[in-house]
Amino acid sequence: MDTDRVEGKAKETEGEVQQKWGEAKDKARDTWEDVKDKVEDVVDKGEDRVDEMNERDGEPAESSASR
């Protein structure tokens, strides 16, 4: 009977570890996506500022498609 209890506890612990591992992977993926979104926002704002400066200085704005 003790072996059944030990095996049951081992399987329960394994399930808990798998659950925690899945949660950790999800959190890492979500964090990575948040970072990528933030970097994209920063780049977009930087490009907008360059375009504004070029327009103010009378230079034609270079579109990002031509890079």
PDB file of N, CA and C in Angstrom:
ATOM      1  N   MET A   1       0.828  -1.200   0.000  1.00  0.00           N
ATOM      2  CA  MET A   1       0.000   0.000   0.000  1.00  0.00           C
ATOM      3  C   MET A   1       0.862   1.251   0.000  1.00  0.00           C
ATOM      4  N   ASP A   2       1.989   1.216   0.680  1.00  0.00           N
ATOM      5  CA  ASP A   2       2.871   2.374   0.698  1.00  0.00           C
ATOM      6  C   ASP A   2       3.404   2.689  -0.696  1.00  0.00           C
ATOM      7  N   THR A   3       3.691   1.656  -1.470  1.00  0.00           N
ATOM      8  CA  THR A   3       4.222   1.886  -2.822  1.00  0.00           C
ATOM      9  C   THR A   3       3.188   2.576  -3.704  1.00  0.00           C
ATOM     10  N   ASP A   4       1.926   2.214  -3.538  1.00  0.00           N
ATOM     11  CA  ASP A   4       0.868   2.872  -4.315  1.00  0.00           C
ATOM     12  C   ASP A   4       0.787   4.353  -3.961  1.00  0.00           C
ATOM     13  N   ARG A   5       0.894   4.653  -2.690  1.00  0.00           N
ATOM     14  CA  ARG A   5       0.826   6.041  -2.239  1.00  0.00           C
ATOM     15  C   ARG A   5       2.028   6.826  -2.760  1.00  0.00           C
ATOM     16  N   VAL A   6       3.207   6.211  -2.714  1.00  0.00           N
ATOM     17  CA  VAL A   6       4.426   6.866  -3.203  1.00  0.00           C
ATOM     18  C   VAL A   6       4.324   7.106  -4.712  1.00  0.00           C
ATOM     19  N   GLU A   7       3.868   6.102  -5.446  1.00  0.00           N
ATOM     20  CA  GLU A   7       3.703   6.260  -6.889  1.00  0.00           C
ATOM     21  C   GLU A   7       2.680   7.341  -7.208  1.00  0.00           C
ATOM     22  N   GLY A   8       1.600   7.370  -6.467  1.00  0.00           N
ATOM     23  CA  GLY A   8       0.572   8.394  -6.668  1.00  0.00           C
ATOM     24  C   GLY A   8       1.114   9.786  -6.412  1.00  0.00           C
ATOM     25  N   LYS A   9       1.858   9.910  -5.326  1.00  0.00           N
ATOM     26  CA  LYS A   9       2.450  11.207  -4.985  1.00  0.00           C
ATOM     27  C   LYS A   9       3.465  11.617  -6.044  1.00  0.00           C
ATOM     28  N   ALA A  10       4.246  10.649  -6.557  1.00  0.00           N
ATOM     29  CA  ALA A  10       5.234  10.951  -7.598  1.00  0.00           C
ATOM     30  C   ALA A  10       4.536  11.458  -8.862  1.00  0.00           C
ATOM     31  N   LYS A  11       3.442  10.807  -9.254  1.00  0.00           N
ATOM     32  CA  LYS A  11       2.702  11.244 -10.446  1.00  0.00           C
ATOM     33  C   LYS A  11       2.067  12.622 -10.216  1.00  0.00           C
ATOM     34  N   GLU A  12       1.559  12.844  -9.025  1.00  0.00           N
ATOM     35  CA  GLU A  12       0.974  14.145  -8.688  1.00  0.00           C
ATOM     36  C   GLU A  12       2.039  15.239  -8.777  1.00  0.00           C
ATOM     37  N   THR A  13       3.199  14.969  -8.230  1.00  0.00           N
ATOM     38  CA  THR A  13       4.299  15.935  -8.260  1.00  0.00           C
ATOM     39  C   THR A  13       4.751  16.178  -9.702  1.00  0.00           C
ATOM     40  N   GLU A  14       4.838  15.113 -10.493  1.00  0.00           N
ATOM     41  CA  GLU A  14       5.213  15.254 -11.895  1.00  0.00           C
ATOM     42  C   GLU A  14       4.219  16.163 -12.630  1.00  0.00           C
ATOM     43  N   GLY A  15       2.943  15.966 -12.374  1.00  0.00           N
ATOM     44  CA  GLY A  15       1.918  16.809 -12.989  1.00  0.00           C
ATOM     45  C   GLY A  15       2.056  18.260 -12.577  1.00  0.00           C
ATOM     46  N   GLU A  16       2.340  18.491 -11.308  1.00  0.00           N
ATOM     47  CA  GLU A  16       2.518  19.860 -10.820  1.00  0.00           C
ATOM     48  C   GLU A  16       3.735  20.520 -11.476  1.00  0.00           C
ATOM     49  N   VAL A  17       4.805  19.748 -11.614  1.00  0.00           N
ATOM     50  CA  VAL A  17       6.017  20.275 -12.251  1.00  0.00           C
ATOM     51  C   VAL A  17       5.735  20.607 -13.714  1.00  0.00           C
ATOM     52  N   GLN A  18       5.027  19.729 -14.414  1.00  0.00           N
ATOM     53  CA  GLN A  18       4.685  20.000 -15.805  1.00  0.00           C
ATOM     54  C   GLN A  18       3.821  21.253 -15.919  1.00  0.00           C
ATOM     55  N   GLN A  19       2.891  21.430 -14.994  1.00  0.00           N
ATOM     56  CA  GLN A  19       2.029  22.616 -14.990  1.00  0.00           C
ATOM     57  C   GLN A  19       2.858  23.879 -14.793  1.00  0.00           C
ATOM     58  N   LYS A  20       3.757  23.842 -13.829  1.00  0.00           N
ATOM     59  CA  LYS A  20       4.617  25.007 -13.561  1.00  0.00           C
ATOM     60  C   LYS A  20       5.517  25.304 -14.757  1.00  0.00           C
ATOM     61  N   TRP A  21       6.050  24.257 -15.392  1.00  0.00           N
ATOM     62  CA  TRP A  21       6.906  24.430 -16.563  1.00  0.00           C
ATOM     63  C   TRP A  21       6.109  25.098 -17.693  1.00  0.00           C
ATOM     64  N   GLY A  22       4.886  24.646 -17.902  1.00  0.00           N
ATOM     65  CA  GLY A  22       4.030  25.250 -18.928  1.00  0.00           C
ATOM     66  C   GLY A  22       3.747  26.712 -18.626  1.00  0.00           C
ATOM     67  N   GLU A  23       3.464  27.017 -17.374  1.00  0.00           N
ATOM     68  CA  GLU A  23       3.218  28.406 -16.980  1.00  0.00           C
ATOM     69  C   GLU A  23       4.458  29.266 -17.191  1.00  0.00           C
ATOM     70  N   ALA A  24       5.624  28.724 -16.861  1.00  0.00           N
ATOM     71  CA  ALA A  24       6.874  29.472 -17.039  1.00  0.00           C
ATOM     72  C   ALA A  24       7.129  29.744 -18.522  1.00  0.00           C
ATOM     73  N   LYS A  25       6.888  28.748 -19.369  1.00  0.00           N
ATOM     74  CA  LYS A  25       7.082  28.942 -20.814  1.00  0.00           C
ATOM     75  C   LYS A  25       6.107  29.987 -21.345  1.00  0.00           C
ATOM     76  N   ASP A  26       4.853  29.936 -20.892  1.00  0.00           N
ATOM     77  CA  ASP A  26       3.860  30.917 -21.330  1.00  0.00           C
ATOM     78  C   ASP A  26       4.264  32.326 -20.908  1.00  0.00           C
ATOM     79  N   LYS A  27       4.730  32.451 -19.675  1.00  0.00           N
ATOM     80  CA  LYS A  27       5.133  33.772 -19.182  1.00  0.00           C
ATOM     81  C   LYS A  27       6.330  34.294 -19.962  1.00  0.00           C
ATOM     82  N   ALA A  28       7.292  33.426 -20.257  1.00  0.00           N
ATOM     83  CA  ALA A  28       8.462  33.844 -21.036  1.00  0.00           C
ATOM     84  C   ALA A  28       8.036  34.279 -22.433  1.00  0.00           C
ATOM     85  N   ARG A  29       7.144  33.531 -23.059  1.00  0.00           N
ATOM     86  CA  ARG A  29       6.671  33.886 -24.401  1.00  0.00           C
ATOM     87  C   ARG A  29       5.923  35.215 -24.373  1.00  0.00           C
ATOM     88  N   ASP A  30       5.068  35.408 -23.369  1.00  0.00           N
ATOM     89  CA  ASP A  30       4.328  36.666 -23.250  1.00  0.00           C
ATOM     90  C   ASP A  30       5.274  37.842 -23.024  1.00  0.00           C
ATOM     91  N   THR A  31       6.283  37.642 -22.186  1.00  0.00           N
ATOM     92  CA  THR A  31       7.256  38.703 -21.919  1.00  0.00           C
ATOM     93  C   THR A  31       8.016  39.043 -23.188  1.00  0.00           C
ATOM     94  N   TRP A  32       8.430  38.029 -23.947  1.00  0.00           N
ATOM     95  CA  TRP A  32       9.147  38.250 -25.202  1.00  0.00           C
ATOM     96  C   TRP A  32       8.279  39.046 -26.177  1.00  0.00           C
ATOM     97  N   GLU A  33       7.010  38.690 -26.286  1.00  0.00           N
ATOM     98  CA  GLU A  33       6.107  39.413 -27.182  1.00  0.00           C
ATOM     99  C   GLU A  33       5.942  40.867 -26.726  1.00  0.00           C
ATOM    100  N   ASP A  34       5.847  41.093 -25.412  1.00  0.00           N
ATOM    101  CA  ASP A  34       5.749  42.460 -24.886  1.00  0.00           C
ATOM    102  C   ASP A  34       6.988  43.275 -25.235  1.00  0.00           C
ATOM    103  N   VAL A  35       8.154  42.654 -25.112  1.00  0.00           N
ATOM    104  CA  VAL A  35       9.415  43.345 -25.438  1.00  0.00           C
ATOM    105  C   VAL A  35       9.454  43.674 -26.922  1.00  0.00           C
ATOM    106  N   LYS A  36       9.104  42.725 -27.768  1.00  0.00           N
ATOM    107  CA  LYS A  36       9.105  42.981 -29.206  1.00  0.00           C
ATOM    108  C   LYS A  36       8.147  44.120 -29.564  1.00  0.00           C
ATOM    109  N   ASP A  37       6.961  44.133 -28.943  1.00  0.00           N
ATOM    110  CA  ASP A  37       5.994  45.203 -29.198  1.00  0.00           C
ATOM    111  C   ASP A  37       6.553  46.558 -28.775  1.00  0.00           C
ATOM    112  N   LYS A  38       7.206  46.595 -27.622  1.00  0.00           N
ATOM    113  CA  LYS A  38       7.769  47.841 -27.117  1.00  0.00           C
ATOM    114  C   LYS A  38       8.871  48.347 -28.043  1.00  0.00           C
ATOM    115  N   VAL A  39       9.740  47.450 -28.490  1.00  0.00           N
ATOM    116  CA  VAL A  39      10.817  47.838 -29.410  1.00  0.00           C
ATOM    117  C   VAL A  39      10.215  48.372 -30.706  1.00  0.00           C
ATOM    118  N   GLU A  40       9.199  47.715 -31.198  1.00  0.00           N
ATOM    119  CA  GLU A  40       8.547  48.176 -32.425  1.00  0.00           C
ATOM    120  C   GLU A  40       7.968  49.577 -32.236  1.00  0.00           C
ATOM    121  N   ASP A  41       7.353  49.827 -31.081  1.00  0.00           N
ATOM    122  CA  ASP A  41       6.819  51.159 -30.792  1.00  0.00           C
ATOM    123  C   ASP A  41       7.921  52.211 -30.771  1.00  0.00           C
ATOM    124  N   VAL A  42       9.045  51.878 -30.139  1.00  0.00           N
ATOM    125  CA  VAL A  42      10.162  52.817 -30.050  1.00  0.00           C
ATOM    126  C   VAL A  42      10.708  53.117 -31.446  1.00  0.00           C
ATOM    127  N   VAL A  43      10.861  52.086 -32.264  1.00  0.00           N
ATOM    128  CA  VAL A  43      11.365  52.280 -33.628  1.00  0.00           C
ATOM    129  C   VAL A  43      10.395  53.141 -34.429  1.00  0.00           C
ATOM    130  N   ASP A  44       9.101  52.856 -34.311  1.00  0.00           N
ATOM    131  CA  ASP A  44       8.104  53.649 -35.030  1.00  0.00           C
ATOM    132  C   ASP A  44       8.159  55.115 -34.619  1.00  0.00           C
ATOM    133  N   LYS A  45       8.278  55.366 -33.326  1.00  0.00           N
ATOM    134  CA  LYS A  45       8.357  56.746 -32.855  1.00  0.00           C
ATOM    135  C   LYS A  45       9.620  57.422 -33.364  1.00  0.00           C
ATOM    136  N   GLY A  46      10.724  56.690 -33.376  1.00  0.00           N
ATOM    137  CA  GLY A  46      11.978  57.244 -33.889  1.00  0.00           C
ATOM    138  C   GLY A  46      11.865  57.579 -35.366  1.00  0.00           C
ATOM    139  N   GLU A  47      11.270  56.700 -36.150  1.00  0.00           N
ATOM    140  CA  GLU A  47      11.075  56.971 -37.570  1.00  0.00           C
ATOM    141  C   GLU A  47      10.178  58.173 -37.779  1.00  0.00           C
ATOM    142  N   ASP A  48       9.130  58.288 -36.963  1.00  0.00           N
ATOM    143  CA  ASP A  48       8.234  59.443 -37.067  1.00  0.00           C
ATOM    144  C   ASP A  48       8.982  60.739 -36.773  1.00  0.00           C
ATOM    145  N   ARG A  49       9.837  60.706 -35.759  1.00  0.00           N
ATOM    146  CA  ARG A  49      10.599  61.914 -35.420  1.00  0.00           C
ATOM    147  C   ARG A  49      11.557  62.303 -36.531  1.00  0.00           C
ATOM    148  N   VAL A  50      12.205  61.313 -37.142  1.00  0.00           N
ATOM    149  CA  VAL A  50      13.110  61.596 -38.260  1.00  0.00           C
ATOM    150  C   VAL A  50      12.315  62.201 -39.417  1.00  0.00           C
ATOM    151  N   ASP A  51      11.158  61.616 -39.714  1.00  0.00           N
ATOM    152  CA  ASP A  51      10.316  62.153 -40.784  1.00  0.00           C
ATOM    153  C   ASP A  51       9.912  63.590 -40.487  1.00  0.00           C
ATOM    154  N   GLU A  52       9.524  63.870 -39.246  1.00  0.00           N
ATOM    155  CA  GLU A  52       9.137  65.229 -38.866  1.00  0.00           C
ATOM    156  C   GLU A  52      10.308  66.196 -39.014  1.00  0.00           C
ATOM    157  N   MET A  53      11.489  65.764 -38.596  1.00  0.00           N
ATOM    158  CA  MET A  53      12.670  66.631 -38.710  1.00  0.00           C
ATOM    159  C   MET A  53      12.992  66.898 -40.176  1.00  0.00           C
ATOM    160  N   ASN A  54      12.887  65.871 -41.021  1.00  0.00           N
ATOM    161  CA  ASN A  54      13.145  66.047 -42.446  1.00  0.00           C
ATOM    162  C   ASN A  54      12.134  66.997 -43.079  1.00  0.00           C
ATOM    163  N   GLU A  55      10.882  66.853 -42.722  1.00  0.00           N
ATOM    164  CA  GLU A  55       9.840  67.733 -43.254  1.00  0.00           C
ATOM    165  C   GLU A  55      10.073  69.169 -42.804  1.00  0.00           C
ATOM    166  N   ARG A  56      10.470  69.337 -41.569  1.00  0.00           N
ATOM    167  CA  ARG A  56      10.717  70.671 -41.025  1.00  0.00           C
ATOM    168  C   ARG A  56      11.914  71.317 -41.722  1.00  0.00           C
ATOM    169  N   ASP A  57      12.910  70.507 -42.038  1.00  0.00           N
ATOM    170  CA  ASP A  57      14.111  71.029 -42.690  1.00  0.00           C
ATOM    171  C   ASP A  57      13.941  71.135 -44.197  1.00  0.00           C
ATOM    172  N   GLY A  58      12.793  70.747 -44.717  1.00  0.00           N
ATOM    173  CA  GLY A  58      12.533  70.854 -46.139  1.00  0.00           C
ATOM    174  C   GLY A  58      13.053  69.709 -46.968  1.00  0.00           C
ATOM    175  N   GLU A  59      13.537  68.676 -46.331  1.00  0.00           N
ATOM    176  CA  GLU A  59      14.020  67.514 -47.067  1.00  0.00           C
ATOM    177  C   GLU A  59      12.876  66.530 -47.245  1.00  0.00           C
ATOM    178  N   PRO A  60      12.849  65.855 -48.364  1.00  0.00           N
ATOM    179  CA  PRO A  60      11.784  64.849 -48.531  1.00  0.00           C
ATOM    180  C   PRO A  60      11.982  63.714 -47.547  1.00  0.00           C
ATOM    181  N   ALA A  61      10.894  63.258 -46.992  1.00  0.00           N
ATOM    182  CA  ALA A  61      10.942  62.156 -46.027  1.00  0.00           C
ATOM    183  C   ALA A  61      11.193  60.859 -46.767  1.00  0.00           C
ATOM    184  N   GLU A  62      12.127  60.071 -46.280  1.00  0.00           N
ATOM    185  CA  GLU A  62      12.426  58.777 -46.887  1.00  0.00           C
ATOM    186  C   GLU A  62      11.469  57.760 -46.296  1.00  0.00           C
ATOM    187  N   SER A  63      10.735  57.083 -47.152  1.00  0.00           N
ATOM    188  CA  SER A  63       9.789  56.101 -46.629  1.00  0.00           C
ATOM    189  C   SER A  63      10.545  54.866 -46.200  1.00  0.00           C
ATOM    190  N   SER A  64       9.997  54.159 -45.221  1.00  0.00           N
ATOM    191  CA  SER A  64      10.660  52.956 -44.719  1.00  0.00           C
ATOM    192  C   SER A  64      10.617  51.851 -45.760  1.00  0.00           C
ATOM    193  N   ALA A  65       9.737  51.945 -46.749  1.00  0.00           N
ATOM    194  CA  ALA A  65       9.661  50.920 -47.796  1.00  0.00           C
ATOM    195  C   ALA A  65      10.850  50.987 -48.739  1.00  0.00           C
ATOM    196  N   SER A  66      11.491  52.144 -48.828  1.00  0.00           N
ATOM    197  CA  SER A  66      12.600  52.275 -49.765  1.00  0.00           C
ATOM    198  C   SER A  66      13.943  51.893 -49.156  1.00  0.00           C
ATOM    199  N   ARG A  67      13.950  51.459 -47.893  1.00  0.00           N
ATOM    200  CA  ARG A  67      15.199  51.067 -47.219  1.00  0.00           C
ATOM    201  C   ARG A  67      15.579  49.669 -47.532  1.00  0.00           C
TER     202      ARG A  67
END
